[in-house]
PDB file of N, CA and C in Angstrom:
ATOM      1  N   MET A   1     -12.011   9.037 -20.360  1.00  0.00           N
ATOM      2  CA  MET A   1     -11.483   8.703 -19.036  1.00  0.00           C
ATOM      3  C   MET A   1     -12.208   7.478 -18.458  1.00  0.00           C
ATOM      4  N   LYS A   2     -13.522   7.429 -18.578  1.00  0.00           N
ATOM      5  CA  LYS A   2     -14.272   6.309 -18.020  1.00  0.00           C
ATOM      6  C   LYS A   2     -13.873   4.990 -18.660  1.00  0.00           C
ATOM      7  N   ALA A   3     -13.621   4.994 -19.974  1.00  0.00           N
ATOM      8  CA  ALA A   3     -13.201   3.766 -20.656  1.00  0.00           C
ATOM      9  C   ALA A   3     -11.883   3.263 -20.071  1.00  0.00           C
ATOM     10  N   TRP A   4     -10.967   4.156 -19.782  1.00  0.00           N
ATOM     11  CA  TRP A   4      -9.688   3.774 -19.184  1.00  0.00           C
ATOM     12  C   TRP A   4      -9.910   3.186 -17.789  1.00  0.00           C
ATOM     13  N   LEU A   5     -10.756   3.818 -17.002  1.00  0.00           N
ATOM     14  CA  LEU A   5     -11.041   3.316 -15.657  1.00  0.00           C
ATOM     15  C   LEU A   5     -11.706   1.944 -15.698  1.00  0.00           C
ATOM     16  N   ASP A   6     -12.569   1.716 -16.682  1.00  0.00           N
ATOM     17  CA  ASP A   6     -13.241   0.424 -16.805  1.00  0.00           C
ATOM     18  C   ASP A   6     -12.253  -0.699 -17.125  1.00  0.00           C
ATOM     19  N   ARG A   7     -11.169  -0.384 -17.828  1.00  0.00           N
ATOM     20  CA  ARG A   7     -10.167  -1.395 -18.192  1.00  0.00           C
ATOM     21  C   ARG A   7      -9.079  -1.567 -17.124  1.00  0.00           C
ATOM     22  N   THR A   8      -9.054  -0.688 -16.150  1.00  0.00           N
ATOM     23  CA  THR A   8      -7.984  -0.679 -15.158  1.00  0.00           C
ATOM     24  C   THR A   8      -8.286  -1.652 -14.026  1.00  0.00           C
ATOM     25  N   ARG A   9      -7.258  -2.364 -13.603  1.00  0.00           N
ATOM     26  CA  ARG A   9      -7.386  -3.268 -12.456  1.00  0.00           C
ATOM     27  C   ARG A   9      -6.728  -2.599 -11.253  1.00  0.00           C
ATOM     28  N   TRP A  10      -7.496  -2.417 -10.205  1.00  0.00           N
ATOM     29  CA  TRP A  10      -7.003  -1.747  -9.005  1.00  0.00           C
ATOM     30  C   TRP A  10      -6.759  -2.777  -7.917  1.00  0.00           C
ATOM     31  N   GLU A  11      -5.635  -2.637  -7.235  1.00  0.00           N
ATOM     32  CA  GLU A  11      -5.304  -3.533  -6.129  1.00  0.00           C
ATOM     33  C   GLU A  11      -4.741  -2.730  -4.974  1.00  0.00           C
ATOM     34  N   ASP A  12      -4.951  -3.234  -3.778  1.00  0.00           N
ATOM     35  CA  ASP A  12      -4.409  -2.621  -2.575  1.00  0.00           C
ATOM     36  C   ASP A  12      -2.953  -3.050  -2.431  1.00  0.00           C
ATOM     37  N   ALA A  13      -2.035  -2.124  -2.494  1.00  0.00           N
ATOM     38  CA  ALA A  13      -0.607  -2.439  -2.406  1.00  0.00           C
ATOM     39  C   ALA A  13      -0.136  -2.630  -0.967  1.00  0.00           C
ATOM     40  N   MET A  14      -0.931  -2.229   0.011  1.00  0.00           N
ATOM     41  CA  MET A  14      -0.474  -2.301   1.390  1.00  0.00           C
ATOM     42  C   MET A  14      -0.472  -3.731   1.926  1.00  0.00           C
ATOM     43  N   GLY A  15      -1.327  -4.597   1.403  1.00  0.00           N
ATOM     44  CA  GLY A  15      -1.309  -6.005   1.829  1.00  0.00           C
ATOM     45  C   GLY A  15       0.013  -6.672   1.491  1.00  0.00           C
ATOM     46  N   PRO A  16       0.444  -6.638   0.223  1.00  0.00           N
ATOM     47  CA  PRO A  16       1.746  -7.210  -0.117  1.00  0.00           C
ATOM     48  C   PRO A  16       2.907  -6.517   0.594  1.00  0.00           C
ATOM     49  N   ALA A  17       2.781  -5.220   0.856  1.00  0.00           N
ATOM     50  CA  ALA A  17       3.834  -4.516   1.582  1.00  0.00           C
ATOM     51  C   ALA A  17       3.961  -5.059   3.003  1.00  0.00           C
ATOM     52  N   ALA A  18       2.833  -5.347   3.651  1.00  0.00           N
ATOM     53  CA  ALA A  18       2.865  -5.903   5.007  1.00  0.00           C
ATOM     54  C   ALA A  18       3.514  -7.282   5.009  1.00  0.00           C
ATOM     55  N   VAL A  19       3.246  -8.079   3.988  1.00  0.00           N
ATOM     56  CA  VAL A  19       3.865  -9.404   3.869  1.00  0.00           C
ATOM     57  C   VAL A  19       5.369  -9.256   3.676  1.00  0.00           C
ATOM     58  N   ALA A  20       5.767  -8.352   2.781  1.00  0.00           N
ATOM     59  CA  ALA A  20       7.193  -8.145   2.502  1.00  0.00           C
ATOM     60  C   ALA A  20       7.940  -7.655   3.733  1.00  0.00           C
ATOM     61  N   GLU A  21       7.279  -6.852   4.548  1.00  0.00           N
ATOM     62  CA  GLU A  21       7.903  -6.336   5.763  1.00  0.00           C
ATOM     63  C   GLU A  21       7.818  -7.331   6.920  1.00  0.00           C
ATOM     64  N   GLY A  22       7.053  -8.392   6.760  1.00  0.00           N
ATOM     65  CA  GLY A  22       6.921  -9.397   7.814  1.00  0.00           C
ATOM     66  C   GLY A  22       6.120  -8.920   9.005  1.00  0.00           C
ATOM     67  N   LEU A  23       5.065  -8.155   8.754  1.00  0.00           N
ATOM     68  CA  LEU A  23       4.272  -7.567   9.832  1.00  0.00           C
ATOM     69  C   LEU A  23       3.124  -8.476  10.251  1.00  0.00           C
ATOM     70  N   TRP A  24       3.443  -9.677  10.665  1.00  0.00           N
ATOM     71  CA  TRP A  24       2.440 -10.647  11.103  1.00  0.00           C
ATOM     72  C   TRP A  24       1.948 -10.298  12.500  1.00  0.00           C
ATOM     73  N   SER A  25       0.648 -10.298  12.703  1.00  0.00           N
ATOM     74  CA  SER A  25       0.049 -10.051  14.005  1.00  0.00           C
ATOM     75  C   SER A  25      -0.406 -11.390  14.580  1.00  0.00           C
ATOM     76  N   VAL A  26       0.241 -11.823  15.647  1.00  0.00           N
ATOM     77  CA  VAL A  26      -0.110 -13.087  16.283  1.00  0.00           C
ATOM     78  C   VAL A  26      -1.522 -13.000  16.866  1.00  0.00           C
ATOM     79  N   ASP A  27      -1.852 -11.858  17.468  1.00  0.00           N
ATOM     80  CA  ASP A  27      -3.173 -11.678  18.085  1.00  0.00           C
ATOM     81  C   ASP A  27      -4.311 -11.800  17.079  1.00  0.00           C
ATOM     82  N   ARG A  28      -4.113 -11.282  15.886  1.00  0.00           N
ATOM     83  CA  ARG A  28      -5.181 -11.267  14.882  1.00  0.00           C
ATOM     84  C   ARG A  28      -5.039 -12.367  13.836  1.00  0.00           C
ATOM     85  N   SER A  29      -3.933 -13.080  13.854  1.00  0.00           N
ATOM     86  CA  SER A  29      -3.644 -14.143  12.875  1.00  0.00           C
ATOM     87  C   SER A  29      -3.747 -13.638  11.436  1.00  0.00           C
ATOM     88  N   ARG A  30      -3.205 -12.481  11.217  1.00  0.00           N
ATOM     89  CA  ARG A  30      -3.141 -11.906   9.868  1.00  0.00           C
ATOM     90  C   ARG A  30      -2.066 -10.817   9.854  1.00  0.00           C
ATOM     91  N   TYR A  31      -1.757 -10.344   8.657  1.00  0.00           N
ATOM     92  CA  TYR A  31      -0.760  -9.294   8.539  1.00  0.00           C
ATOM     93  C   TYR A  31      -1.364  -7.948   8.926  1.00  0.00           C
ATOM     94  N   ARG A  32      -0.553  -7.143   9.593  1.00  0.00           N
ATOM     95  CA  ARG A  32      -0.989  -5.814  10.014  1.00  0.00           C
ATOM     96  C   ARG A  32      -0.869  -4.840   8.856  1.00  0.00           C
ATOM     97  N   ARG A  33      -1.840  -3.992   8.725  1.00  0.00           N
ATOM     98  CA  ARG A  33      -1.783  -2.928   7.729  1.00  0.00           C
ATOM     99  C   ARG A  33      -0.913  -1.805   8.269  1.00  0.00           C
ATOM    100  N   GLN A  34      -0.249  -1.123   7.383  1.00  0.00           N
ATOM    101  CA  GLN A  34       0.604  -0.019   7.781  1.00  0.00           C
ATOM    102  C   GLN A  34      -0.098   1.296   7.516  1.00  0.00           C
ATOM    103  N   ARG A  35      -0.038   2.155   8.472  1.00  0.00           N
ATOM    104  CA  ARG A  35      -0.586   3.492   8.270  1.00  0.00           C
ATOM    105  C   ARG A  35       0.464   4.306   7.523  1.00  0.00           C
ATOM    106  N   LEU A  36      -0.003   5.103   6.580  1.00  0.00           N
ATOM    107  CA  LEU A  36       0.916   5.956   5.850  1.00  0.00           C
ATOM    108  C   LEU A  36       1.167   7.259   6.587  1.00  0.00           C
ATOM    109  N   GLY A  37       0.358   7.551   7.591  1.00  0.00           N
ATOM    110  CA  GLY A  37       0.575   8.712   8.453  1.00  0.00           C
ATOM    111  C   GLY A  37      -0.101   9.986   7.963  1.00  0.00           C
ATOM    112  N   GLY A  38      -0.414  10.859   8.905  1.00  0.00           N
ATOM    113  CA  GLY A  38      -0.958  12.171   8.582  1.00  0.00           C
ATOM    114  C   GLY A  38      -2.437  12.164   8.248  1.00  0.00           C
ATOM    115  N   CYS A  39      -2.965  13.379   8.039  1.00  0.00           N
ATOM    116  CA  CYS A  39      -4.359  13.503   7.640  1.00  0.00           C
ATOM    117  C   CYS A  39      -4.493  13.057   6.184  1.00  0.00           C
ATOM    118  N   TYR A  40      -5.702  12.776   5.769  1.00  0.00           N
ATOM    119  CA  TYR A  40      -5.896  12.213   4.440  1.00  0.00           C
ATOM    120  C   TYR A  40      -5.642  13.248   3.354  1.00  0.00           C
ATOM    121  N   ASP A  41      -4.719  12.934   2.484  1.00  0.00           N
ATOM    122  CA  ASP A  41      -4.390  13.755   1.323  1.00  0.00           C
ATOM    123  C   ASP A  41      -4.054  12.765   0.211  1.00  0.00           C
ATOM    124  N   ALA A  42      -4.933  12.639  -0.767  1.00  0.00           N
ATOM    125  CA  ALA A  42      -4.783  11.609  -1.799  1.00  0.00           C
ATOM    126  C   ALA A  42      -3.439  11.691  -2.504  1.00  0.00           C
ATOM    127  N   MET A  43      -2.999  12.879  -2.854  1.00  0.00           N
ATOM    128  CA  MET A  43      -1.726  13.027  -3.555  1.00  0.00           C
ATOM    129  C   MET A  43      -0.567  12.581  -2.669  1.00  0.00           C
ATOM    130  N   GLU A  44      -0.599  12.968  -1.407  1.00  0.00           N
ATOM    131  CA  GLU A  44       0.476  12.569  -0.498  1.00  0.00           C
ATOM    132  C   GLU A  44       0.436  11.068  -0.235  1.00  0.00           C
ATOM    133  N   LYS A  45      -0.757  10.473  -0.185  1.00  0.00           N
ATOM    134  CA  LYS A  45      -0.860   9.019  -0.025  1.00  0.00           C
ATOM    135  C   LYS A  45      -0.212   8.310  -1.202  1.00  0.00           C
ATOM    136  N   CYS A  46      -0.409   8.816  -2.398  1.00  0.00           N
ATOM    137  CA  CYS A  46       0.230   8.228  -3.584  1.00  0.00           C
ATOM    138  C   CYS A  46       1.748   8.347  -3.490  1.00  0.00           C
ATOM    139  N   ARG A  47       2.220   9.499  -3.070  1.00  0.00           N
ATOM    140  CA  ARG A  47       3.670   9.688  -2.915  1.00  0.00           C
ATOM    141  C   ARG A  47       4.230   8.748  -1.843  1.00  0.00           C
ATOM    142  N   ALA A  48       3.511   8.612  -0.739  1.00  0.00           N
ATOM    143  CA  ALA A  48       3.968   7.712   0.325  1.00  0.00           C
ATOM    144  C   ALA A  48       3.993   6.271  -0.162  1.00  0.00           C
ATOM    145  N   LEU A  49       3.000   5.895  -0.934  1.00  0.00           N
ATOM    146  CA  LEU A  49       2.969   4.543  -1.490  1.00  0.00           C
ATOM    147  C   LEU A  49       4.147   4.324  -2.425  1.00  0.00           C
ATOM    148  N   LEU A  50       4.446   5.293  -3.270  1.00  0.00           N
ATOM    149  CA  LEU A  50       5.600   5.168  -4.169  1.00  0.00           C
ATOM    150  C   LEU A  50       6.906   5.053  -3.390  1.00  0.00           C
ATOM    151  N   ARG A  51       7.029   5.838  -2.316  1.00  0.00           N
ATOM    152  CA  ARG A  51       8.248   5.725  -1.479  1.00  0.00           C
ATOM    153  C   ARG A  51       8.356   4.322  -0.894  1.00  0.00           C
ATOM    154  N   ARG A  52       7.235   3.772  -0.414  1.00  0.00           N
ATOM    155  CA  ARG A  52       7.225   2.422   0.165  1.00  0.00           C
ATOM    156  C   ARG A  52       7.590   1.379  -0.883  1.00  0.00           C
ATOM    157  N   LEU A  53       7.037   1.509  -2.084  1.00  0.00           N
ATOM    158  CA  LEU A  53       7.335   0.546  -3.150  1.00  0.00           C
ATOM    159  C   LEU A  53       8.804   0.622  -3.556  1.00  0.00           C
ATOM    160  N   HIS A  54       9.364   1.834  -3.621  1.00  0.00           N
ATOM    161  CA  HIS A  54      10.789   1.973  -3.913  1.00  0.00           C
ATOM    162  C   HIS A  54      11.637   1.322  -2.826  1.00  0.00           C
ATOM    163  N   HIS A  55      11.220   1.506  -1.577  1.00  0.00           N
ATOM    164  CA  HIS A  55      11.928   0.898  -0.454  1.00  0.00           C
ATOM    165  C   HIS A  55      11.902  -0.630  -0.570  1.00  0.00           C
ATOM    166  N   LEU A  56      10.730  -1.190  -0.862  1.00  0.00           N
ATOM    167  CA  LEU A  56      10.587  -2.634  -0.989  1.00  0.00           C
ATOM    168  C   LEU A  56      11.379  -3.173  -2.182  1.00  0.00           C
ATOM    169  N   ALA A  57      11.467  -2.363  -3.229  1.00  0.00           N
ATOM    170  CA  ALA A  57      12.205  -2.800  -4.428  1.00  0.00           C
ATOM    171  C   ALA A  57      13.714  -2.646  -4.253  1.00  0.00           C
ATOM    172  N   GLY A  58      14.118  -1.975  -3.177  1.00  0.00           N
ATOM    173  CA  GLY A  58      15.550  -1.805  -2.915  1.00  0.00           C
ATOM    174  C   GLY A  58      16.190  -0.737  -3.775  1.00  0.00           C
ATOM    175  N   THR A  59      15.385   0.233  -4.228  1.00  0.00           N
ATOM    176  CA  THR A  59      15.943   1.318  -5.043  1.00  0.00           C
ATOM    177  C   THR A  59      15.966   2.612  -4.279  1.00  0.00           C
TER     178      THR A  59
END
């Protein structure tokens, strides 16, 4: 498992999602991050991210 993790490249998908949604904050001069909602649950966060990516992909 560790060997797989060492080869894996991790990226934050919420930054590109904010750009795709056009969530520019004039006050902060940067894109706003989107909250996925609810208390922290890693599995549900993954599901919410997949729903967002499907939405952005138009599927």
